[in-house]
Protein backbone atom coordinates (compact mmCIF):
# COMPACT_ATOMS: atom_id res chain seq x y z
CA UNK A 1 -91.85 204.94 66.88
CA UNK A 2 -90.33 206.67 63.89
CA UNK A 3 -87.61 209.02 62.72
CA UNK A 4 -86.74 210.91 59.54
CA UNK A 5 -83.28 210.34 58.07
CA UNK A 6 -81.06 213.07 56.63
CA UNK A 7 -82.11 211.97 53.12
CA UNK A 8 -85.81 212.23 53.97
CA UNK A 9 -86.55 208.54 54.43
CA UNK A 10 -88.71 207.34 57.31
CA UNK A 11 -87.43 204.74 59.77
CA UNK A 12 -90.03 202.89 61.81
CA UNK A 13 -89.67 200.40 64.68
CA UNK A 14 -92.25 197.67 64.77
CA UNK A 15 -92.37 194.75 67.16
CA UNK A 16 -89.74 192.71 65.31
CA UNK A 17 -88.05 194.85 62.66
CA UNK A 18 -86.87 198.26 61.62
CA UNK A 19 -88.50 199.31 58.36
CA UNK A 20 -87.33 202.16 56.11
CA UNK A 21 -89.69 203.86 53.65
CA UNK A 22 -89.48 206.69 51.12
CA UNK A 23 -91.65 209.75 51.88
CA UNK A 24 -94.14 208.27 49.37
CA UNK A 25 -94.44 205.05 51.38
CA UNK A 26 -92.30 202.79 49.17
CA UNK A 27 -90.55 200.09 51.20
CA UNK A 28 -86.77 200.48 50.89
CA UNK A 29 -85.56 197.89 53.38
CA UNK A 30 -86.51 195.89 56.42
CA UNK A 31 -83.97 194.57 58.88
CA UNK A 32 -83.95 192.70 62.15
CA UNK A 33 -83.34 194.44 65.42
CA UNK A 34 -80.47 192.07 66.13
CA UNK A 35 -81.69 189.83 68.91
CA UNK A 36 -84.86 189.30 70.88
CA UNK A 37 -87.73 191.50 69.72
CA UNK A 38 -88.27 194.71 71.61
CA UNK A 39 -91.57 196.03 72.82
CA UNK A 40 -93.79 198.17 70.65
CA UNK A 41 -92.50 201.37 72.25
CA UNK A 42 -88.88 201.16 71.10
CA UNK A 43 -87.62 204.58 69.99
CA UNK A 44 -85.41 205.34 67.00
CA UNK A 45 -83.21 208.23 65.87
CA UNK A 46 -80.96 208.55 62.80
CA UNK A 47 -77.66 210.44 62.82
CA UNK A 48 -74.42 210.15 60.83
CA UNK A 49 -75.94 207.39 58.66
CA UNK A 50 -76.67 205.21 61.69
CA UNK A 51 -79.89 204.17 63.39
CA UNK A 52 -79.91 204.26 67.21
CA UNK A 53 -82.75 202.24 68.74
CA UNK A 54 -83.69 202.03 72.43
CA UNK A 55 -84.82 198.67 73.76
CA UNK A 56 -86.81 198.85 76.97
CA UNK A 57 -87.15 195.07 77.09
CA UNK A 58 -83.38 194.49 77.17
CA UNK A 59 -82.31 197.83 78.75
CA UNK A 60 -79.92 198.88 75.99
CA UNK A 61 -79.43 200.98 72.87
CA UNK A 62 -78.52 199.17 69.65
CA UNK A 63 -76.80 200.84 66.72
CA UNK A 64 -77.25 199.84 63.07
CA UNK A 65 -75.69 201.05 59.83
CA UNK A 66 -77.83 202.90 57.33
CA UNK A 67 -78.16 199.61 55.42
CA UNK A 68 -79.33 197.73 58.54
CA UNK A 69 -76.16 195.96 59.67
CA UNK A 70 -75.95 195.60 63.47
CA UNK A 71 -72.87 197.54 64.63
CA UNK A 72 -72.88 197.52 68.44
CA UNK A 73 -74.99 198.01 71.54
CA UNK A 74 -74.46 199.68 74.88
CA UNK A 75 -76.15 199.59 78.25
CA UNK A 76 -77.60 196.89 80.44
CA UNK A 77 -80.11 196.75 83.27
CA UNK A 78 -79.05 198.74 86.32
CA UNK A 79 -78.64 202.17 87.88
CA UNK A 80 -74.88 202.70 87.47
CA UNK A 81 -73.23 204.87 84.84
CA UNK A 82 -74.05 203.61 81.39
CA UNK A 83 -76.85 201.33 82.60
CA UNK A 84 -80.59 201.71 82.03
CA UNK A 85 -83.90 201.07 83.73
CA UNK A 86 -86.22 201.20 80.69
CA UNK A 87 -84.59 203.52 78.13
CA UNK A 88 -87.14 205.15 75.87
CA UNK A 89 -86.95 208.45 73.94
CA UNK A 90 -83.80 209.36 72.03
CA UNK A 91 -82.46 212.63 70.62
CA UNK A 92 -79.13 214.01 69.46
CA UNK A 93 -78.06 217.42 70.72
CA UNK A 94 -76.05 220.06 68.87
CA UNK A 95 -72.81 218.61 70.31
CA UNK A 96 -73.58 215.22 68.72
CA UNK A 97 -74.37 213.63 72.07
CA UNK A 98 -77.12 211.04 72.34
CA UNK A 99 -79.74 211.87 74.97
CA UNK A 100 -81.72 208.92 76.36
CA UNK A 101 -84.84 209.34 78.50
CA UNK A 102 -84.46 206.59 81.13
CA UNK A 103 -88.01 206.15 82.40
CA UNK A 104 -87.47 204.21 85.62
CA UNK A 105 -84.14 205.82 86.57
CA UNK A 106 -85.94 209.21 86.46
CA UNK A 107 -83.29 211.01 84.40
CA UNK A 108 -81.93 211.76 80.95
CA UNK A 109 -78.59 210.08 80.27
CA UNK A 110 -76.00 211.50 77.91
CA UNK A 111 -73.74 209.36 75.70
CA UNK A 112 -71.27 209.86 72.91
CA UNK A 113 -72.38 208.43 69.58
CA UNK A 114 -69.90 205.62 70.27
CA UNK A 115 -71.87 204.66 73.41
CA UNK A 116 -69.57 206.17 76.04
CA UNK A 117 -71.45 207.44 79.11
CA UNK A 118 -70.89 211.20 79.54
CA UNK A 119 -73.33 212.17 82.29
CA UNK A 120 -76.99 212.62 83.18
CA UNK A 121 -79.43 215.22 84.43
CA UNK A 122 -82.56 215.06 86.52
CA UNK A 123 -83.67 213.00 89.49
CA UNK A 124 -86.95 211.71 90.85
CA UNK A 125 -89.44 214.37 91.91
CA UNK A 126 -91.99 216.88 90.76
CA UNK A 127 -90.02 220.14 91.06
CA UNK A 128 -88.40 221.87 88.08
CA UNK A 129 -85.47 219.80 86.84
CA UNK A 130 -86.87 216.65 88.45
CA UNK A 131 -88.69 213.86 86.65
CA UNK A 132 -91.28 211.19 87.19
CA UNK A 133 -91.17 208.68 84.33
CA UNK A 134 -89.46 210.67 81.57
CA UNK A 135 -90.45 208.91 78.35
CA UNK A 136 -89.22 211.11 75.51
CA UNK A 137 -86.70 213.80 74.73
CA UNK A 138 -86.33 216.20 71.79
CA UNK A 139 -83.80 218.86 70.82
CA UNK A 140 -84.80 222.08 69.04
CA UNK A 141 -82.63 223.77 66.42
CA UNK A 142 -81.45 226.33 69.02
CA UNK A 143 -80.20 223.53 71.31
CA UNK A 144 -83.10 223.64 73.76
CA UNK A 145 -83.98 220.24 75.22
CA UNK A 146 -87.58 219.15 75.82
CA UNK A 147 -88.32 216.25 78.18
CA UNK A 148 -91.76 214.62 78.25
CA UNK A 149 -92.78 213.09 81.57
CA UNK A 150 -95.51 210.50 81.82
CA UNK A 151 -95.82 210.58 85.61
CA UNK A 152 -95.87 214.35 86.10
CA UNK A 153 -97.94 214.86 82.93
CA UNK A 154 -95.80 217.69 81.64
CA UNK A 155 -93.04 218.78 79.28
CA UNK A 156 -89.99 220.51 80.71
CA UNK A 157 -87.77 222.85 78.70
CA UNK A 158 -84.02 223.08 79.34
CA UNK A 159 -82.09 225.91 77.66
CA UNK A 160 -78.38 225.66 77.07
């Protein structure tokens, strides 16, 4: 997956590395994901000169400096607060909270940018506000949150 940094560069996750390009496609840097390779569907977001990358294979989010230095990770496999069951899509809301679509826990989890668990929303189901395999999340400029569900084949909109 990919993201655009505040300076217009493009960050891309591939199977083994994170690669950063200029908008013209010039390679700026390549750095390791800091441990075992993730799967091809790792997600990435850039905020405050840091890359946040979800790892569904190791059930965590890893954080890297703008230059590619591994800083810290949070999460582990499980269903308790701060744990994941296949974290995928990432977004940052207008309060600088990291939203993580947790596919197999059927919810979106909310963290501080330091990795502290703040809460979650959603549960398994097919009614409004419920999810079946949420795989991505996005935040619009007005603060609205969009959640993409694989299982229910829909996008839900949440207004603040």
